[in-house]
Amino acid sequence: MTKSILTRDINGYVNYGLLPCENIVSVNLDANVAASFTVPGDSGFLWDLVFSIEPGASIWIAFDAASGAALPAGNTFAATFSCQNPGVRRVPGGTVVSAITANTTAYLGVEMYVFQS
């Protein structure tokens, strides 16, 4: 498993440098069809998930939501468990990650870096 580490940039400031990853999943989502995967390990592990989303795609992601990821419904604000096009999220092992899109298709890749074990 690839560890998530902080590195220093050329000015000596702490930076988020990513090593090539060994734990990667990917999917080609179809419109309105959710897909999910389970983060490796148990809750004793913390993982940084780095999302790579096809340019122009709108993908909604949920973490351990009972009903999975959901698209927004209606033109008013409403509570949701899904977030749109996240960058990086830290979750415990065993978390179920669900994704959905309204696009005809959308490619999604997720690199998983172990932060703490």
C-alpha atoms as a PDB file:
ATOM      1  CA  MET A   1       0.000   0.000   0.000  1.00  0.00           C
ATOM      2  CA  THR A   2       1.185   3.517  -0.780  1.00  0.00           C
ATOM      3  CA  LYS A   3       1.548   5.865   2.200  1.00  0.00           C
ATOM      4  CA  SER A   4       0.297   9.444   2.105  1.00  0.00           C
ATOM      5  CA  ILE A   5       3.224  11.672   3.053  1.00  0.00           C
ATOM      6  CA  LEU A   6       3.927  15.377   3.144  1.00  0.00           C
ATOM      7  CA  THR A   7       6.991  16.583   1.247  1.00  0.00           C
ATOM      8  CA  ARG A   8       8.738  19.948   0.889  1.00  0.00           C
ATOM      9  CA  ASP A   9       8.631  22.112  -2.227  1.00  0.00           C
ATOM     10  CA  ILE A  10      11.667  23.956  -3.665  1.00  0.00           C
ATOM     11  CA  ASN A  11      11.153  26.765  -1.125  1.00  0.00           C
ATOM     12  CA  GLY A  12      11.120  24.373   1.818  1.00  0.00           C
ATOM     13  CA  TYR A  13       7.384  24.674   2.498  1.00  0.00           C
ATOM     14  CA  VAL A  14       5.394  21.577   3.381  1.00  0.00           C
ATOM     15  CA  ASN A  15       3.554  20.402   0.292  1.00  0.00           C
ATOM     16  CA  TYR A  16       1.207  17.575  -0.543  1.00  0.00           C
ATOM     17  CA  GLY A  17       3.407  15.446  -2.835  1.00  0.00           C
ATOM     18  CA  LEU A  18       1.900  12.237  -4.142  1.00  0.00           C
ATOM     19  CA  LEU A  19       3.913   9.127  -4.886  1.00  0.00           C
ATOM     20  CA  PRO A  20       2.789   6.764  -7.651  1.00  0.00           C
ATOM     21  CA  CYS A  21      -0.099   4.793  -6.182  1.00  0.00           C
ATOM     22  CA  GLU A  22      -0.560   1.022  -5.851  1.00  0.00           C
ATOM     23  CA  ASN A  23      -4.245   1.116  -4.843  1.00  0.00           C
ATOM     24  CA  ILE A  24      -6.363   2.480  -7.704  1.00  0.00           C
ATOM     25  CA  VAL A  25      -9.935   1.776  -8.794  1.00  0.00           C
ATOM     26  CA  SER A  26     -11.739   3.188 -11.821  1.00  0.00           C
ATOM     27  CA  VAL A  27     -15.152   3.071 -13.447  1.00  0.00           C
ATOM     28  CA  ASN A  28     -16.946   4.354 -16.538  1.00  0.00           C
ATOM     29  CA  LEU A  29     -20.247   5.514 -15.034  1.00  0.00           C
ATOM     30  CA  ASP A  30     -23.458   5.353 -17.064  1.00  0.00           C
ATOM     31  CA  ALA A  31     -26.094   8.045 -16.635  1.00  0.00           C
ATOM     32  CA  ASN A  32     -28.160   7.716 -13.451  1.00  0.00           C
ATOM     33  CA  VAL A  33     -26.608   4.367 -12.451  1.00  0.00           C
ATOM     34  CA  ALA A  34     -24.656   4.419  -9.184  1.00  0.00           C
ATOM     35  CA  ALA A  35     -21.473   2.392  -8.717  1.00  0.00           C
ATOM     36  CA  SER A  36     -19.687   1.743  -5.423  1.00  0.00           C
ATOM     37  CA  PHE A  37     -16.569   0.208  -3.892  1.00  0.00           C
ATOM     38  CA  THR A  38     -15.296  -0.430  -0.371  1.00  0.00           C
ATOM     39  CA  VAL A  39     -12.067   1.177   0.858  1.00  0.00           C
ATOM     40  CA  PRO A  40      -9.585  -1.548   1.937  1.00  0.00           C
ATOM     41  CA  GLY A  41      -8.922  -2.405   5.569  1.00  0.00           C
ATOM     42  CA  ASP A  42     -10.893  -1.665   8.696  1.00  0.00           C
ATOM     43  CA  SER A  43     -11.583   1.507  10.662  1.00  0.00           C
ATOM     44  CA  GLY A  44      -8.065   1.335  12.155  1.00  0.00           C
ATOM     45  CA  PHE A  45      -6.765   2.564   8.793  1.00  0.00           C
ATOM     46  CA  LEU A  46      -7.228   6.104   7.469  1.00  0.00           C
ATOM     47  CA  TRP A  47      -7.012   6.581   3.710  1.00  0.00           C
ATOM     48  CA  ASP A  48      -6.629   9.683   1.532  1.00  0.00           C
ATOM     49  CA  LEU A  49      -8.802   9.208  -1.550  1.00  0.00           C
ATOM     50  CA  VAL A  50      -7.710  11.274  -4.561  1.00  0.00           C
ATOM     51  CA  PHE A  51     -10.461  11.577  -7.171  1.00  0.00           C
ATOM     52  CA  SER A  52      -9.660  11.924 -10.898  1.00  0.00           C
ATOM     53  CA  ILE A  53     -12.771  13.024 -12.758  1.00  0.00           C
ATOM     54  CA  GLU A  54     -13.221  13.255 -16.511  1.00  0.00           C
ATOM     55  CA  PRO A  55     -13.041  16.939 -17.533  1.00  0.00           C
ATOM     56  CA  GLY A  56     -16.522  18.412 -17.918  1.00  0.00           C
ATOM     57  CA  ALA A  57     -18.197  15.596 -15.988  1.00  0.00           C
ATOM     58  CA  SER A  58     -20.368  16.168 -12.947  1.00  0.00           C
ATOM     59  CA  ILE A  59     -20.028  13.255 -10.535  1.00  0.00           C
ATOM     60  CA  TRP A  60     -21.695  13.083  -7.119  1.00  0.00           C
ATOM     61  CA  ILE A  61     -19.923  11.045  -4.419  1.00  0.00           C
ATOM     62  CA  ALA A  62     -21.297   9.742  -1.107  1.00  0.00           C
ATOM     63  CA  PHE A  63     -19.438   8.107   1.768  1.00  0.00           C
ATOM     64  CA  ASP A  64     -21.283   5.383   3.736  1.00  0.00           C
ATOM     65  CA  ALA A  65     -24.670   6.856   2.799  1.00  0.00           C
ATOM     66  CA  ALA A  66     -27.403   4.270   3.337  1.00  0.00           C
ATOM     67  CA  SER A  67     -28.941   4.997  -0.065  1.00  0.00           C
ATOM     68  CA  GLY A  68     -25.668   5.623  -1.937  1.00  0.00           C
ATOM     69  CA  ALA A  69     -24.805   8.701  -3.991  1.00  0.00           C
ATOM     70  CA  ALA A  70     -27.715  10.762  -5.278  1.00  0.00           C
ATOM     71  CA  LEU A  71     -28.165  13.447  -7.889  1.00  0.00           C
ATOM     72  CA  PRO A  72     -29.701  16.752  -6.774  1.00  0.00           C
ATOM     73  CA  ALA A  73     -33.469  16.835  -7.084  1.00  0.00           C
ATOM     74  CA  GLY A  74     -35.225  20.066  -7.942  1.00  0.00           C
ATOM     75  CA  ASN A  75     -34.120  23.672  -8.116  1.00  0.00           C
ATOM     76  CA  THR A  76     -34.075  24.443  -4.391  1.00  0.00           C
ATOM     77  CA  PHE A  77     -31.419  23.723  -1.781  1.00  0.00           C
ATOM     78  CA  ALA A  78     -31.908  20.469   0.113  1.00  0.00           C
ATOM     79  CA  ALA A  79     -29.819  18.426   2.528  1.00  0.00           C
ATOM     80  CA  THR A  80     -27.733  15.705   0.876  1.00  0.00           C
ATOM     81  CA  PHE A  81     -25.077  13.122   1.678  1.00  0.00           C
ATOM     82  CA  SER A  82     -23.434  13.529  -1.748  1.00  0.00           C
ATOM     83  CA  CYS A  83     -20.716  15.991  -2.777  1.00  0.00           C
ATOM     84  CA  GLN A  84     -19.931  17.068  -6.323  1.00  0.00           C
ATOM     85  CA  ASN A  85     -16.504  16.367  -7.852  1.00  0.00           C
ATOM     86  CA  PRO A  86     -14.504  16.116  -4.614  1.00  0.00           C
ATOM     87  CA  GLY A  87     -10.734  16.491  -4.793  1.00  0.00           C
ATOM     88  CA  VAL A  88      -9.299  14.601  -1.800  1.00  0.00           C
ATOM     89  CA  ARG A  89     -11.135  13.099   1.167  1.00  0.00           C
ATOM     90  CA  ARG A  90      -9.792  11.217   4.233  1.00  0.00           C
ATOM     91  CA  VAL A  91     -11.919   8.219   5.232  1.00  0.00           C
ATOM     92  CA  PRO A  92     -11.495   5.139   7.427  1.00  0.00           C
ATOM     93  CA  GLY A  93     -10.977   1.697   5.937  1.00  0.00           C
ATOM     94  CA  GLY A  94     -14.220  -0.135   5.237  1.00  0.00           C
ATOM     95  CA  THR A  95     -15.975   3.026   4.010  1.00  0.00           C
ATOM     96  CA  VAL A  96     -18.350   2.398   1.109  1.00  0.00           C
ATOM     97  CA  VAL A  97     -17.832   5.038  -1.596  1.00  0.00           C
ATOM     98  CA  SER A  98     -20.684   5.517  -4.054  1.00  0.00           C
ATOM     99  CA  ALA A  99     -20.694   7.588  -7.267  1.00  0.00           C
ATOM    100  CA  ILE A 100     -23.363   8.686  -9.745  1.00  0.00           C
ATOM    101  CA  THR A 101     -23.570  11.037 -12.735  1.00  0.00           C
ATOM    102  CA  ALA A 102     -26.260  12.551 -14.933  1.00  0.00           C
ATOM    103  CA  ASN A 103     -23.795  12.687 -17.851  1.00  0.00           C
ATOM    104  CA  THR A 104     -24.254  10.113 -20.623  1.00  0.00           C
ATOM    105  CA  THR A 105     -21.018   8.529 -19.383  1.00  0.00           C
ATOM    106  CA  ALA A 106     -18.231   9.752 -17.101  1.00  0.00           C
ATOM    107  CA  TYR A 107     -14.848   8.286 -16.223  1.00  0.00           C
ATOM    108  CA  LEU A 108     -13.837   8.287 -12.557  1.00  0.00           C
ATOM    109  CA  GLY A 109     -10.564   7.130 -11.029  1.00  0.00           C
ATOM    110  CA  VAL A 110      -9.756   6.939  -7.322  1.00  0.00           C
ATOM    111  CA  GLU A 111      -6.230   6.610  -5.936  1.00  0.00           C
ATOM    112  CA  MET A 112      -6.111   5.390  -2.325  1.00  0.00           C
ATOM    113  CA  TYR A 113      -3.164   6.374  -0.109  1.00  0.00           C
ATOM    114  CA  VAL A 114      -2.971   4.978   3.415  1.00  0.00           C
ATOM    115  CA  PHE A 115      -2.529   7.895   5.820  1.00  0.00           C
ATOM    116  CA  GLN A 116      -2.438   6.032   9.123  1.00  0.00           C
ATOM    117  CA  SER A 117      -2.486   2.408  10.150  1.00  0.00           C
END
